[in-house]
């Protein structure tokens, strides 16, 4: 794909906004891009390569292969695979699956490292993303220690809907229903049955509503 088209695909990524169009075009020359269908494993043509990924469209889940649990969800306009820049051994235990049809650009880790050394804003941006992911994982551990299962599930559901919101009403948030009950259980360290019970309870109270396509949260109901 032409560099100018790749440039269009990278627009919207805060990570690159300080680089300017000239540097962006040079980066586009070494980027690869691919389409992934819902459920696809996000992998490269050469499996031995490690890469950093830029999600232009869709969403993906990052799975820990050591215990087959979901670590976190990535929405469009964000990157993933950055763990390979800081801990290559730990990165080997991460794989990604497309939660919906997705468009993803990627660049090999060694090339990304060179770009980060050359562009301080890029280096700081990636480091910030990595730091935020660490904090989220630490928060999940803290929640496991100090919050009961129902509270963890409720807070996760509300946070997820708000983060992936595609609605337009100020007091109602609507997101695609991307996660199974098992995946929510993985992300909250609970059981699938407990997730089902909590979701059913939240629905009866008017906090949320959902079907196979979307899930919504009404803020006024949570008073």
Protein backbone atom coordinates (compact mmCIF):
# COMPACT_ATOMS: atom_id res chain seq x y z
CA UNK A 1 0.00 0.00 0.00
CA UNK A 2 1.23 3.49 -0.84
CA UNK A 3 2.84 5.56 1.93
CA UNK A 4 0.23 8.33 1.59
CA UNK A 5 -2.53 5.80 2.29
CA UNK A 6 -0.65 4.49 5.33
CA UNK A 7 -0.24 8.06 6.49
CA UNK A 8 -4.02 8.44 6.41
CA UNK A 9 -4.35 5.25 8.43
CA UNK A 10 -1.98 6.57 11.12
CA UNK A 11 -3.82 9.86 11.48
CA UNK A 12 -5.62 9.97 14.81
CA UNK A 13 -2.81 8.28 16.75
CA UNK A 14 -1.74 10.76 19.44
CA UNK A 15 1.62 9.02 19.49
CA UNK A 16 2.66 10.60 16.18
CA UNK A 17 1.18 14.09 16.41
CA UNK A 18 4.44 15.78 17.39
CA UNK A 19 6.51 14.19 14.61
CA UNK A 20 5.24 16.23 11.68
CA UNK A 21 4.21 15.07 8.22
CA UNK A 22 7.77 14.58 6.92
CA UNK A 23 8.74 12.14 9.68
CA UNK A 24 5.34 10.47 9.49
CA UNK A 25 5.79 9.77 5.79
CA UNK A 26 9.22 8.23 6.43
CA UNK A 27 7.71 5.97 9.09
CA UNK A 28 4.96 4.94 6.69
CA UNK A 29 7.58 3.65 4.26
CA UNK A 30 8.59 0.90 6.69
CA UNK A 31 5.13 0.07 8.01
CA UNK A 32 3.25 -3.06 7.05
CA UNK A 33 -0.52 -3.23 7.14
CA UNK A 34 -3.04 -6.05 7.19
CA UNK A 35 -6.73 -6.79 7.61
CA UNK A 36 -7.91 -9.27 10.22
CA UNK A 37 -11.34 -10.85 10.48
CA UNK A 38 -13.20 -11.27 13.76
CA UNK A 39 -11.64 -14.12 15.73
CA UNK A 40 -8.35 -14.10 13.80
CA UNK A 41 -5.06 -14.52 15.59
CA UNK A 42 -3.05 -11.34 14.96
CA UNK A 43 0.21 -12.79 13.72
CA UNK A 44 2.97 -11.91 11.25
CA UNK A 45 4.15 -13.66 8.13
CA UNK A 46 7.39 -14.44 9.99
CA UNK A 47 6.39 -15.73 13.40
CA UNK A 48 9.88 -15.25 14.87
CA UNK A 49 9.61 -11.48 14.44
CA UNK A 50 8.30 -9.30 17.26
CA UNK A 51 6.40 -6.17 16.32
CA UNK A 52 4.57 -3.17 17.68
CA UNK A 53 1.02 -2.87 16.34
CA UNK A 54 -1.14 0.17 15.56
CA UNK A 55 -4.87 -0.50 15.61
CA UNK A 56 -6.64 1.72 13.10
CA UNK A 57 -10.01 -0.03 13.04
CA UNK A 58 -11.71 -2.59 15.27
CA UNK A 59 -10.59 -3.95 18.62
CA UNK A 60 -8.38 -6.77 19.87
CA UNK A 61 -7.88 -8.72 23.07
CA UNK A 62 -4.45 -9.50 24.49
CA UNK A 63 -4.23 -13.01 25.93
CA UNK A 64 -1.64 -14.46 28.30
CA UNK A 65 -0.69 -17.83 26.82
CA UNK A 66 0.65 -19.06 30.17
CA UNK A 67 -2.87 -19.35 31.61
CA UNK A 68 -5.09 -18.56 28.59
CA UNK A 69 -6.53 -15.49 30.32
CA UNK A 70 -7.41 -12.10 28.84
CA UNK A 71 -4.99 -9.38 30.00
CA UNK A 72 -6.62 -6.31 28.46
CA UNK A 73 -8.64 -4.99 25.53
CA UNK A 74 -7.29 -2.54 22.93
CA UNK A 75 -9.56 -0.14 21.05
CA UNK A 76 -8.92 1.65 17.78
CA UNK A 77 -6.39 4.47 17.79
CA UNK A 78 -4.14 2.63 20.24
CA UNK A 79 -1.04 0.45 20.06
CA UNK A 80 -0.24 -2.99 21.44
CA UNK A 81 2.75 -5.30 21.45
CA UNK A 82 4.88 -2.61 23.09
CA UNK A 83 5.90 -5.13 25.78
CA UNK A 84 8.43 -6.51 23.27
CA UNK A 85 10.32 -3.21 23.58
CA UNK A 86 10.87 -3.62 27.31
CA UNK A 87 10.61 -7.30 28.19
CA UNK A 88 11.11 -9.64 25.22
CA UNK A 89 10.72 -12.82 27.26
CA UNK A 90 7.40 -11.72 28.78
CA UNK A 91 6.22 -10.59 25.33
CA UNK A 92 6.50 -14.18 24.10
CA UNK A 93 3.61 -15.07 26.41
CA UNK A 94 1.28 -12.52 24.78
CA UNK A 95 -0.89 -13.13 21.74
CA UNK A 96 -3.68 -11.03 20.27
CA UNK A 97 -7.04 -11.90 18.72
CA UNK A 98 -9.34 -9.62 16.73
CA UNK A 99 -12.61 -9.08 18.57
CA UNK A 100 -14.10 -7.67 15.37
CA UNK A 101 -12.94 -7.03 11.82
CA UNK A 102 -9.80 -4.93 12.22
CA UNK A 103 -7.18 -2.99 10.26
CA UNK A 104 -3.72 -3.05 11.81
CA UNK A 105 -0.37 -1.51 10.89
CA UNK A 106 2.78 -2.96 12.39
CA UNK A 107 6.49 -2.37 12.56
CA UNK A 108 9.29 -4.68 13.68
CA UNK A 109 10.54 -4.08 17.21
CA UNK A 110 14.14 -3.27 16.23
CA UNK A 111 12.93 -0.63 13.77
CA UNK A 112 10.61 0.82 16.40
CA UNK A 113 13.49 1.03 18.86
CA UNK A 114 15.54 3.02 16.35
CA UNK A 115 12.63 5.42 15.78
CA UNK A 116 12.18 5.90 19.52
CA UNK A 117 15.86 6.75 19.94
CA UNK A 118 15.58 9.30 17.16
CA UNK A 119 12.28 10.87 18.28
CA UNK A 120 12.02 11.63 21.98
CA UNK A 121 8.27 12.37 21.82
CA UNK A 122 7.67 8.91 20.36
CA UNK A 123 9.80 7.28 23.04
CA UNK A 124 7.99 9.15 25.83
CA UNK A 125 4.60 8.35 24.30
CA UNK A 126 5.24 4.61 24.11
CA UNK A 127 6.70 4.60 27.62
CA UNK A 128 3.57 6.36 28.91
CA UNK A 129 1.31 3.75 27.29
CA UNK A 130 3.41 0.94 28.76
CA UNK A 131 3.27 2.59 32.18
CA UNK A 132 -0.51 2.98 32.04
CA UNK A 133 -0.91 -0.70 31.16
CA UNK A 134 1.23 -1.65 34.17
CA UNK A 135 -0.91 0.57 36.41
CA UNK A 136 -4.11 -1.06 35.14
CA UNK A 137 -2.76 -4.51 35.91
CA UNK A 138 -1.68 -3.35 39.37
CA UNK A 139 -5.16 -1.89 39.94
CA UNK A 140 -6.72 -5.23 39.03
CA UNK A 141 -4.51 -6.94 41.61
CA UNK A 142 -5.51 -4.36 44.22
CA UNK A 143 -9.20 -4.84 43.37
CA UNK A 144 -8.77 -8.59 43.79
CA UNK A 145 -7.45 -8.05 47.30
CA UNK A 146 -9.89 -5.39 48.51
CA UNK A 147 -13.12 -5.66 46.48
CA UNK A 148 -15.68 -8.45 46.28
CA UNK A 149 -16.51 -10.20 43.02
CA UNK A 150 -19.76 -8.34 42.35
CA UNK A 151 -18.09 -4.94 42.80
CA UNK A 152 -15.21 -5.85 40.50
CA UNK A 153 -17.56 -7.00 37.77
CA UNK A 154 -19.87 -3.98 38.08
CA UNK A 155 -17.00 -1.48 37.97
CA UNK A 156 -15.35 -3.28 35.06
CA UNK A 157 -18.56 -3.32 33.00
CA UNK A 158 -19.23 0.38 33.55
CA UNK A 159 -15.60 1.31 32.77
CA UNK A 160 -15.60 -0.84 29.63
CA UNK A 161 -18.83 0.69 28.28
CA UNK A 162 -17.59 4.23 28.94
CA UNK A 163 -14.19 3.57 27.34
CA UNK A 164 -15.68 1.97 24.21
CA UNK A 165 -18.71 4.28 24.07
CA UNK A 166 -20.05 4.99 20.60
CA UNK A 167 -23.20 6.84 21.68
CA UNK A 168 -24.04 10.52 21.76
CA UNK A 169 -26.22 10.99 24.85
CA UNK A 170 -24.60 12.65 27.91
CA UNK A 171 -26.11 10.24 30.43
CA UNK A 172 -26.15 7.04 28.37
CA UNK A 173 -23.16 5.13 27.06
CA UNK A 174 -23.39 2.51 24.32
CA UNK A 175 -20.63 0.12 23.25
CA UNK A 176 -20.32 -2.97 21.10
CA UNK A 177 -20.85 -6.14 23.10
CA UNK A 178 -17.42 -7.60 22.37
CA UNK A 179 -16.70 -9.76 25.41
CA UNK A 180 -18.10 -13.14 26.42
CA UNK A 181 -19.00 -13.83 30.05
CA UNK A 182 -15.90 -16.03 30.28
CA UNK A 183 -13.67 -13.19 29.08
CA UNK A 184 -15.21 -10.78 31.60
CA UNK A 185 -14.61 -13.41 34.28
CA UNK A 186 -10.93 -13.59 33.24
CA UNK A 187 -10.57 -9.83 33.39
CA UNK A 188 -12.18 -9.59 36.84
CA UNK A 189 -10.80 -12.81 38.36
CA UNK A 190 -14.26 -14.20 38.92
CA UNK A 191 -16.37 -17.05 37.54
CA UNK A 192 -18.57 -17.04 34.45
CA UNK A 193 -21.64 -17.81 36.59
CA UNK A 194 -20.91 -14.86 38.87
CA UNK A 195 -20.59 -12.59 35.83
CA UNK A 196 -23.96 -13.82 34.52
CA UNK A 197 -25.60 -13.18 37.89
CA UNK A 198 -24.16 -9.66 38.25
CA UNK A 199 -25.08 -8.67 34.69
CA UNK A 200 -28.60 -9.95 35.21
CA UNK A 201 -28.88 -7.97 38.47
CA UNK A 202 -27.57 -4.78 36.84
CA UNK A 203 -30.06 -5.22 34.02
CA UNK A 204 -33.00 -5.63 36.41
CA UNK A 205 -31.97 -2.43 38.20
CA UNK A 206 -31.92 -0.55 34.90
CA UNK A 207 -28.19 0.14 35.06
CA UNK A 208 -27.38 -1.67 31.86
CA UNK A 209 -29.08 -3.29 28.91
CA UNK A 210 -27.55 -5.58 26.32
CA UNK A 211 -28.06 -7.97 23.46
CA UNK A 212 -25.67 -9.87 21.20
CA UNK A 213 -24.64 -6.65 19.43
CA UNK A 214 -24.45 -3.84 21.99
CA UNK A 215 -24.31 -3.14 25.71
CA UNK A 216 -25.41 0.16 27.28
CA UNK A 217 -25.12 1.88 30.64
CA UNK A 218 -27.47 4.56 31.96
CA UNK A 219 -25.70 6.83 34.43
CA UNK A 220 -28.84 8.30 36.03
CA UNK A 221 -29.90 4.82 37.09
CA UNK A 222 -26.73 4.48 39.16
CA UNK A 223 -27.74 7.11 41.73
